[in-house]
All heavy atoms as atom14 arrays in JSON, in Angstrom:
{
  "sequence": "PEALPVVENHVKAFERSDYDVAVAPSGSCVSSVKHQHP",
  "atom14_mask": [
    [1, 1, 1, 1, 1, 1, 1, 0, 0, 0, 0, 0, 0, 0],
    [1, 1, 1, 1, 1, 1, 1, 1, 1, 0, 0, 0, 0, 0],
    [1, 1, 1, 1, 1, 0, 0, 0, 0, 0, 0, 0, 0, 0],
    [1, 1, 1, 1, 1, 1, 1, 1, 0, 0, 0, 0, 0, 0],
    [1, 1, 1, 1, 1, 1, 1, 0, 0, 0, 0, 0, 0, 0],
    [1, 1, 1, 1, 1, 1, 1, 0, 0, 0, 0, 0, 0, 0],
    [1, 1, 1, 1, 1, 1, 1, 0, 0, 0, 0, 0, 0, 0],
    [1, 1, 1, 1, 1, 1, 1, 1, 1, 0, 0, 0, 0, 0],
    [1, 1, 1, 1, 1, 1, 1, 1, 0, 0, 0, 0, 0, 0],
    [1, 1, 1, 1, 1, 1, 1, 1, 1, 1, 0, 0, 0, 0],
    [1, 1, 1, 1, 1, 1, 1, 0, 0, 0, 0, 0, 0, 0],
    [1, 1, 1, 1, 1, 1, 1, 1, 1, 0, 0, 0, 0, 0],
    [1, 1, 1, 1, 1, 0, 0, 0, 0, 0, 0, 0, 0, 0],
    [1, 1, 1, 1, 1, 1, 1, 1, 1, 1, 1, 0, 0, 0],
    [1, 1, 1, 1, 1, 1, 1, 1, 1, 0, 0, 0, 0, 0],
    [1, 1, 1, 1, 1, 1, 1, 1, 1, 1, 1, 0, 0, 0],
    [1, 1, 1, 1, 1, 1, 0, 0, 0, 0, 0, 0, 0, 0],
    [1, 1, 1, 1, 1, 1, 1, 1, 0, 0, 0, 0, 0, 0],
    [1, 1, 1, 1, 1, 1, 1, 1, 1, 1, 1, 1, 0, 0],
    [1, 1, 1, 1, 1, 1, 1, 1, 0, 0, 0, 0, 0, 0],
    [1, 1, 1, 1, 1, 1, 1, 0, 0, 0, 0, 0, 0, 0],
    [1, 1, 1, 1, 1, 0, 0, 0, 0, 0, 0, 0, 0, 0],
    [1, 1, 1, 1, 1, 1, 1, 0, 0, 0, 0, 0, 0, 0],
    [1, 1, 1, 1, 1, 0, 0, 0, 0, 0, 0, 0, 0, 0],
    [1, 1, 1, 1, 1, 1, 1, 0, 0, 0, 0, 0, 0, 0],
    [1, 1, 1, 1, 1, 1, 0, 0, 0, 0, 0, 0, 0, 0],
    [1, 1, 1, 1, 0, 0, 0, 0, 0, 0, 0, 0, 0, 0],
    [1, 1, 1, 1, 1, 1, 0, 0, 0, 0, 0, 0, 0, 0],
    [1, 1, 1, 1, 1, 1, 0, 0, 0, 0, 0, 0, 0, 0],
    [1, 1, 1, 1, 1, 1, 1, 0, 0, 0, 0, 0, 0, 0],
    [1, 1, 1, 1, 1, 1, 0, 0, 0, 0, 0, 0, 0, 0],
    [1, 1, 1, 1, 1, 1, 0, 0, 0, 0, 0, 0, 0, 0],
    [1, 1, 1, 1, 1, 1, 1, 0, 0, 0, 0, 0, 0, 0],
    [1, 1, 1, 1, 1, 1, 1, 1, 1, 0, 0, 0, 0, 0],
    [1, 1, 1, 1, 1, 1, 1, 1, 1, 1, 0, 0, 0, 0],
    [1, 1, 1, 1, 1, 1, 1, 1, 1, 0, 0, 0, 0, 0],
    [1, 1, 1, 1, 1, 1, 1, 1, 1, 1, 0, 0, 0, 0],
    [1, 1, 1, 1, 1, 1, 1, 0, 0, 0, 0, 0, 0, 0]
  ],
  "atom14_positions": [
    [[-2.91, 12.04, -10.75], [-1.58, 12.53, -10.49], [-1.45, 12.91, -9.0], [-0.31, 12.82, -8.39], [-1.48, 13.92, -11.29], [-2.47, 13.65, -12.42], [-3.58, 12.8, -11.76], [0.0, 0.0, 0.0], [0.0, 0.0, 0.0], [0.0, 0.0, 0.0], [0.0, 0.0, 0.0], [0.0, 0.0, 0.0], [0.0, 0.0, 0.0], [0.0, 0.0, 0.0]],
    [[-2.59, 13.45, -8.44], [-2.51, 13.8, -7.0], [-2.23, 12.46, -6.02], [-1.7, 12.64, -5.03], [-3.71, 14.55, -6.55], [-3.9, 15.91, -7.21], [-4.42, 15.82, -8.52], [-4.69, 14.78, -9.17], [-4.75, 16.97, -9.05], [0.0, 0.0, 0.0], [0.0, 0.0, 0.0], [0.0, 0.0, 0.0], [0.0, 0.0, 0.0], [0.0, 0.0, 0.0]],
    [[-2.78, 11.34, -6.59], [-2.65, 10.12, -5.84], [-1.19, 9.59, -5.83], [-0.88, 8.72, -4.98], [-3.67, 9.06, -6.35], [0.0, 0.0, 0.0], [0.0, 0.0, 0.0], [0.0, 0.0, 0.0], [0.0, 0.0, 0.0], [0.0, 0.0, 0.0], [0.0, 0.0, 0.0], [0.0, 0.0, 0.0], [0.0, 0.0, 0.0], [0.0, 0.0, 0.0]],
    [[-0.48, 9.88, -6.96], [0.8, 9.27, -7.04], [1.72, 9.35, -5.77], [2.27, 8.32, -5.45], [1.58, 9.91, -8.42], [2.79, 9.31, -8.64], [2.8, 7.82, -8.91], [3.54, 10.03, -9.84], [0.0, 0.0, 0.0], [0.0, 0.0, 0.0], [0.0, 0.0, 0.0], [0.0, 0.0, 0.0], [0.0, 0.0, 0.0], [0.0, 0.0, 0.0]],
    [[1.95, 10.62, -5.32], [2.82, 10.71, -4.08], [2.29, 9.91, -2.94], [3.09, 9.35, -2.05], [2.93, 12.16, -3.72], [1.8, 12.86, -4.4], [1.56, 11.93, -5.61], [0.0, 0.0, 0.0], [0.0, 0.0, 0.0], [0.0, 0.0, 0.0], [0.0, 0.0, 0.0], [0.0, 0.0, 0.0], [0.0, 0.0, 0.0], [0.0, 0.0, 0.0]],
    [[0.99, 9.82, -2.83], [0.34, 9.01, -1.68], [0.69, 7.52, -1.9], [1.1, 6.91, -0.95], [-1.09, 9.24, -1.68], [-1.78, 8.57, -0.55], [-1.48, 10.8, -1.6], [0.0, 0.0, 0.0], [0.0, 0.0, 0.0], [0.0, 0.0, 0.0], [0.0, 0.0, 0.0], [0.0, 0.0, 0.0], [0.0, 0.0, 0.0], [0.0, 0.0, 0.0]],
    [[0.57, 7.02, -3.11], [0.89, 5.62, -3.37], [2.36, 5.42, -3.24], [2.78, 4.37, -2.62], [0.42, 5.27, -4.78], [1.01, 3.86, -5.25], [-1.11, 5.24, -4.89], [0.0, 0.0, 0.0], [0.0, 0.0, 0.0], [0.0, 0.0, 0.0], [0.0, 0.0, 0.0], [0.0, 0.0, 0.0], [0.0, 0.0, 0.0], [0.0, 0.0, 0.0]],
    [[3.13, 6.33, -3.69], [4.58, 6.18, -3.54], [5.0, 6.02, -1.92], [5.82, 5.2, -1.66], [5.4, 7.33, -4.19], [5.38, 7.3, -5.79], [6.04, 8.49, -6.34], [5.88, 9.62, -5.71], [6.66, 8.43, -7.39], [0.0, 0.0, 0.0], [0.0, 0.0, 0.0], [0.0, 0.0, 0.0], [0.0, 0.0, 0.0], [0.0, 0.0, 0.0]],
    [[4.44, 6.74, -1.25], [4.63, 6.86, 0.28], [4.3, 5.46, 0.85], [5.08, 4.98, 1.61], [3.93, 7.91, 0.87], [4.03, 7.89, 2.43], [5.16, 8.43, 2.93], [3.14, 7.4, 3.19], [0.0, 0.0, 0.0], [0.0, 0.0, 0.0], [0.0, 0.0, 0.0], [0.0, 0.0, 0.0], [0.0, 0.0, 0.0], [0.0, 0.0, 0.0]],
    [[3.14, 4.98, 0.46], [2.71, 3.66, 0.97], [3.76, 2.56, 0.59], [4.16, 1.73, 1.51], [1.3, 3.23, 0.52], [0.78, 2.01, 1.12], [0.18, 1.91, 2.26], [0.9, 0.61, 0.67], [-0.14, 0.62, 2.56], [0.38, -0.15, 1.61], [0.0, 0.0, 0.0], [0.0, 0.0, 0.0], [0.0, 0.0, 0.0], [0.0, 0.0, 0.0]],
    [[4.04, 2.49, -0.67], [4.97, 1.5, -1.21], [6.33, 1.68, -0.4], [6.9, 0.6, 0.04], [5.27, 1.76, -2.6], [6.43, 0.71, -3.14], [3.91, 1.31, -3.34], [0.0, 0.0, 0.0], [0.0, 0.0, 0.0], [0.0, 0.0, 0.0], [0.0, 0.0, 0.0], [0.0, 0.0, 0.0], [0.0, 0.0, 0.0], [0.0, 0.0, 0.0]],
    [[6.81, 2.83, -0.33], [8.13, 3.04, 0.48], [8.15, 2.63, 1.92], [8.92, 2.01, 2.32], [8.51, 4.52, 0.35], [9.91, 4.87, 0.64], [10.23, 6.38, 0.55], [10.05, 6.78, -0.91], [10.36, 8.26, -1.08], [0.0, 0.0, 0.0], [0.0, 0.0, 0.0], [0.0, 0.0, 0.0], [0.0, 0.0, 0.0], [0.0, 0.0, 0.0]],
    [[6.92, 2.91, 2.51], [6.79, 2.7, 3.93], [6.84, 1.21, 4.21], [7.52, 0.71, 5.08], [5.51, 3.19, 4.51], [0.0, 0.0, 0.0], [0.0, 0.0, 0.0], [0.0, 0.0, 0.0], [0.0, 0.0, 0.0], [0.0, 0.0, 0.0], [0.0, 0.0, 0.0], [0.0, 0.0, 0.0], [0.0, 0.0, 0.0], [0.0, 0.0, 0.0]],
    [[6.25, 0.47, 3.33], [6.18, -1.02, 3.53], [7.23, -1.76, 2.9], [7.52, -2.91, 3.22], [4.73, -1.56, 3.04], [3.6, -1.33, 4.08], [3.03, -0.06, 4.05], [3.39, -2.37, 4.98], [2.06, 0.18, 5.07], [2.37, -2.08, 5.91], [1.66, -0.81, 5.96], [0.0, 0.0, 0.0], [0.0, 0.0, 0.0], [0.0, 0.0, 0.0]],
    [[8.08, -1.11, 1.99], [9.27, -1.73, 1.54], [10.37, -1.7, 2.57], [11.29, -2.51, 2.62], [9.74, -0.87, 0.32], [9.15, -1.25, -0.88], [9.7, -0.44, -2.03], [10.23, 0.63, -1.74], [9.66, -0.89, -3.19], [0.0, 0.0, 0.0], [0.0, 0.0, 0.0], [0.0, 0.0, 0.0], [0.0, 0.0, 0.0], [0.0, 0.0, 0.0]],
    [[10.27, -0.62, 3.42], [11.52, -0.41, 4.39], [11.49, -1.35, 5.52], [12.41, -1.65, 6.05], [11.32, 1.03, 4.88], [11.77, 2.05, 3.98], [11.5, 3.51, 4.56], [11.95, 4.56, 3.7], [11.63, 5.88, 3.94], [10.82, 6.2, 4.87], [12.06, 6.67, 3.13], [0.0, 0.0, 0.0], [0.0, 0.0, 0.0], [0.0, 0.0, 0.0]],
    [[10.41, -1.95, 5.74], [10.2, -2.77, 6.9], [10.51, -4.26, 6.56], [10.13, -4.72, 5.52], [8.77, -2.71, 7.59], [8.64, -1.31, 8.03], [0.0, 0.0, 0.0], [0.0, 0.0, 0.0], [0.0, 0.0, 0.0], [0.0, 0.0, 0.0], [0.0, 0.0, 0.0], [0.0, 0.0, 0.0], [0.0, 0.0, 0.0], [0.0, 0.0, 0.0]],
    [[11.01, -5.06, 7.66], [11.24, -6.44, 7.49], [10.06, -7.2, 8.05], [9.83, -7.3, 9.19], [12.51, -6.76, 8.13], [12.87, -8.28, 8.1], [12.39, -9.01, 7.09], [13.56, -8.68, 8.98], [0.0, 0.0, 0.0], [0.0, 0.0, 0.0], [0.0, 0.0, 0.0], [0.0, 0.0, 0.0], [0.0, 0.0, 0.0], [0.0, 0.0, 0.0]],
    [[9.25, -7.9, 7.23], [8.15, -8.64, 7.67], [7.71, -9.66, 6.64], [8.2, -9.71, 5.48], [6.85, -7.77, 7.76], [6.52, -6.95, 6.58], [5.44, -7.46, 5.77], [7.08, -5.68, 6.19], [5.09, -6.91, 4.59], [6.64, -5.12, 5.03], [5.61, -5.57, 4.27], [5.25, -5.03, 3.11], [0.0, 0.0, 0.0], [0.0, 0.0, 0.0]],
    [[7.04, -10.66, 7.06], [6.53, -11.75, 6.13], [5.33, -11.36, 5.31], [5.23, -11.63, 4.16], [6.2, -13.03, 7.05], [7.52, -13.5, 7.73], [8.41, -13.79, 7.09], [7.44, -13.58, 8.99], [0.0, 0.0, 0.0], [0.0, 0.0, 0.0], [0.0, 0.0, 0.0], [0.0, 0.0, 0.0], [0.0, 0.0, 0.0], [0.0, 0.0, 0.0]],
    [[4.32, -10.86, 6.1], [3.03, -10.4, 5.43], [2.54, -9.15, 6.06], [2.94, -8.87, 7.28], [1.92, -11.43, 5.43], [2.33, -12.63, 4.63], [1.67, -11.92, 6.94], [0.0, 0.0, 0.0], [0.0, 0.0, 0.0], [0.0, 0.0, 0.0], [0.0, 0.0, 0.0], [0.0, 0.0, 0.0], [0.0, 0.0, 0.0], [0.0, 0.0, 0.0]],
    [[1.71, -8.32, 5.35], [1.03, -7.23, 6.0], [-0.46, -7.58, 6.12], [-0.97, -8.28, 5.24], [1.32, -5.91, 5.17], [0.0, 0.0, 0.0], [0.0, 0.0, 0.0], [0.0, 0.0, 0.0], [0.0, 0.0, 0.0], [0.0, 0.0, 0.0], [0.0, 0.0, 0.0], [0.0, 0.0, 0.0], [0.0, 0.0, 0.0], [0.0, 0.0, 0.0]],
    [[-1.04, -6.82, 7.02], [-2.58, -7.09, 7.26], [-3.26, -5.76, 7.55], [-2.71, -4.97, 8.1], [-2.82, -8.17, 8.27], [-2.42, -7.58, 9.73], [-4.3, -8.56, 8.34], [0.0, 0.0, 0.0], [0.0, 0.0, 0.0], [0.0, 0.0, 0.0], [0.0, 0.0, 0.0], [0.0, 0.0, 0.0], [0.0, 0.0, 0.0], [0.0, 0.0, 0.0]],
    [[-4.44, -5.65, 7.03], [-5.28, -4.62, 7.27], [-6.77, -5.07, 7.64], [-7.23, -5.93, 6.97], [-5.32, -3.52, 6.15], [0.0, 0.0, 0.0], [0.0, 0.0, 0.0], [0.0, 0.0, 0.0], [0.0, 0.0, 0.0], [0.0, 0.0, 0.0], [0.0, 0.0, 0.0], [0.0, 0.0, 0.0], [0.0, 0.0, 0.0], [0.0, 0.0, 0.0]],
    [[-7.38, -4.4, 8.68], [-8.81, -4.67, 8.92], [-9.74, -3.92, 8.0], [-10.68, -3.28, 8.42], [-9.0, -4.3, 10.37], [-8.07, -3.16, 10.5], [-6.88, -3.37, 9.56], [0.0, 0.0, 0.0], [0.0, 0.0, 0.0], [0.0, 0.0, 0.0], [0.0, 0.0, 0.0], [0.0, 0.0, 0.0], [0.0, 0.0, 0.0], [0.0, 0.0, 0.0]],
    [[-9.52, -4.04, 6.67], [-10.27, -3.31, 5.76], [-10.12, -3.9, 4.26], [-9.04, -3.8, 3.79], [-9.8, -1.78, 5.73], [-10.24, -1.14, 4.56], [0.0, 0.0, 0.0], [0.0, 0.0, 0.0], [0.0, 0.0, 0.0], [0.0, 0.0, 0.0], [0.0, 0.0, 0.0], [0.0, 0.0, 0.0], [0.0, 0.0, 0.0], [0.0, 0.0, 0.0]],
    [[-11.17, -4.39, 3.81], [-11.13, -4.93, 2.5], [-10.97, -3.89, 1.36], [-10.35, -4.1, 0.33], [0.0, 0.0, 0.0], [0.0, 0.0, 0.0], [0.0, 0.0, 0.0], [0.0, 0.0, 0.0], [0.0, 0.0, 0.0], [0.0, 0.0, 0.0], [0.0, 0.0, 0.0], [0.0, 0.0, 0.0], [0.0, 0.0, 0.0], [0.0, 0.0, 0.0]],
    [[-11.46, -2.7, 1.57], [-11.35, -1.59, 0.53], [-9.91, -1.14, 0.46], [-9.45, -0.98, -0.65], [-12.35, -0.51, 0.88], [-12.01, 0.12, 2.1], [0.0, 0.0, 0.0], [0.0, 0.0, 0.0], [0.0, 0.0, 0.0], [0.0, 0.0, 0.0], [0.0, 0.0, 0.0], [0.0, 0.0, 0.0], [0.0, 0.0, 0.0], [0.0, 0.0, 0.0]],
    [[-9.19, -0.89, 1.62], [-7.91, -0.45, 1.39], [-6.96, -1.52, 0.86], [-6.04, -1.17, 0.12], [-7.44, 0.01, 2.84], [-8.47, 1.48, 3.51], [0.0, 0.0, 0.0], [0.0, 0.0, 0.0], [0.0, 0.0, 0.0], [0.0, 0.0, 0.0], [0.0, 0.0, 0.0], [0.0, 0.0, 0.0], [0.0, 0.0, 0.0], [0.0, 0.0, 0.0]],
    [[-7.17, -2.73, 1.27], [-6.25, -3.89, 0.68], [-6.6, -3.98, -0.74], [-5.62, -4.22, -1.57], [-6.64, -5.12, 1.49], [-5.96, -6.34, 0.75], [-6.13, -5.08, 2.92], [0.0, 0.0, 0.0], [0.0, 0.0, 0.0], [0.0, 0.0, 0.0], [0.0, 0.0, 0.0], [0.0, 0.0, 0.0], [0.0, 0.0, 0.0], [0.0, 0.0, 0.0]],
    [[-7.8, -3.77, -1.18], [-8.12, -3.86, -2.66], [-7.43, -2.76, -3.41], [-6.93, -2.86, -4.55], [-9.53, -3.9, -2.88], [-10.18, -2.69, -2.62], [0.0, 0.0, 0.0], [0.0, 0.0, 0.0], [0.0, 0.0, 0.0], [0.0, 0.0, 0.0], [0.0, 0.0, 0.0], [0.0, 0.0, 0.0], [0.0, 0.0, 0.0], [0.0, 0.0, 0.0]],
    [[-7.29, -1.6, -2.8], [-6.62, -0.46, -3.44], [-5.11, -0.75, -3.45], [-4.59, -0.59, -4.62], [-6.82, 0.85, -2.54], [-6.23, 1.87, -3.14], [0.0, 0.0, 0.0], [0.0, 0.0, 0.0], [0.0, 0.0, 0.0], [0.0, 0.0, 0.0], [0.0, 0.0, 0.0], [0.0, 0.0, 0.0], [0.0, 0.0, 0.0], [0.0, 0.0, 0.0]],
    [[-4.46, -1.34, -2.33], [-3.15, -1.54, -2.37], [-2.84, -2.75, -3.47], [-1.85, -2.62, -4.24], [-2.63, -2.1, -1.05], [-1.24, -2.68, -1.08], [-2.72, -0.84, -0.07], [0.0, 0.0, 0.0], [0.0, 0.0, 0.0], [0.0, 0.0, 0.0], [0.0, 0.0, 0.0], [0.0, 0.0, 0.0], [0.0, 0.0, 0.0], [0.0, 0.0, 0.0]],
    [[-3.6, -3.71, -3.55], [-3.41, -4.88, -4.45], [-3.69, -4.52, -5.92], [-3.03, -5.03, -6.81], [-4.2, -6.03, -3.96], [-3.64, -6.52, -2.7], [-4.54, -7.8, -2.27], [-3.99, -9.07, -2.8], [-2.73, -9.54, -2.29], [0.0, 0.0, 0.0], [0.0, 0.0, 0.0], [0.0, 0.0, 0.0], [0.0, 0.0, 0.0], [0.0, 0.0, 0.0]],
    [[-4.66, -3.72, -6.15], [-5.2, -3.51, -7.53], [-4.97, -2.07, -8.08], [-4.5, -1.81, -9.15], [-6.71, -3.85, -7.62], [-6.97, -5.34, -7.31], [-6.54, -6.38, -8.05], [-7.55, -5.9, -6.2], [-6.93, -7.58, -7.45], [-7.49, -7.29, -6.35], [0.0, 0.0, 0.0], [0.0, 0.0, 0.0], [0.0, 0.0, 0.0], [0.0, 0.0, 0.0]],
    [[-5.36, -1.08, -7.22], [-5.23, 0.26, -7.68], [-3.8, 0.77, -7.75], [-3.57, 1.59, -8.76], [-6.12, 1.18, -6.8], [-7.52, 0.95, -7.04], [-8.29, 1.95, -6.15], [-8.01, 2.38, -5.1], [-9.59, 2.4, -6.73], [0.0, 0.0, 0.0], [0.0, 0.0, 0.0], [0.0, 0.0, 0.0], [0.0, 0.0, 0.0], [0.0, 0.0, 0.0]],
    [[-3.01, 0.39, -6.89], [-1.62, 0.98, -6.86], [-0.89, 0.7, -8.17], [-0.31, 1.47, -8.86], [-0.94, 0.54, -5.63], [-1.28, 1.33, -4.35], [-0.6, 1.18, -3.19], [-2.32, 2.02, -4.11], [-1.21, 1.95, -2.27], [-2.35, 2.37, -2.82], [0.0, 0.0, 0.0], [0.0, 0.0, 0.0], [0.0, 0.0, 0.0], [0.0, 0.0, 0.0]],
    [[-0.88, -0.68, -8.5], [-0.16, -1.02, -9.79], [-0.76, -0.34, -11.06], [-0.09, 0.05, -11.82], [-0.23, -2.66, -9.82], [-0.42, -3.05, -8.35], [-1.25, -1.95, -7.79], [0.0, 0.0, 0.0], [0.0, 0.0, 0.0], [0.0, 0.0, 0.0], [0.0, 0.0, 0.0], [0.0, 0.0, 0.0], [0.0, 0.0, 0.0], [0.0, 0.0, 0.0]]
  ]
}
C-alpha cells in the first residue's frame, strides 16, 4: 500500500511527457517499472 502512491507518481510523470522511449542506466529499476508496477 505504501508503494502505491510512488508507483502512481512514476506512471503520471512519464505519461505527461511526449517521447518515443524512456531509458534508465539501471536494470533493477527498469525491471521494477516493467514488472512490479503492473
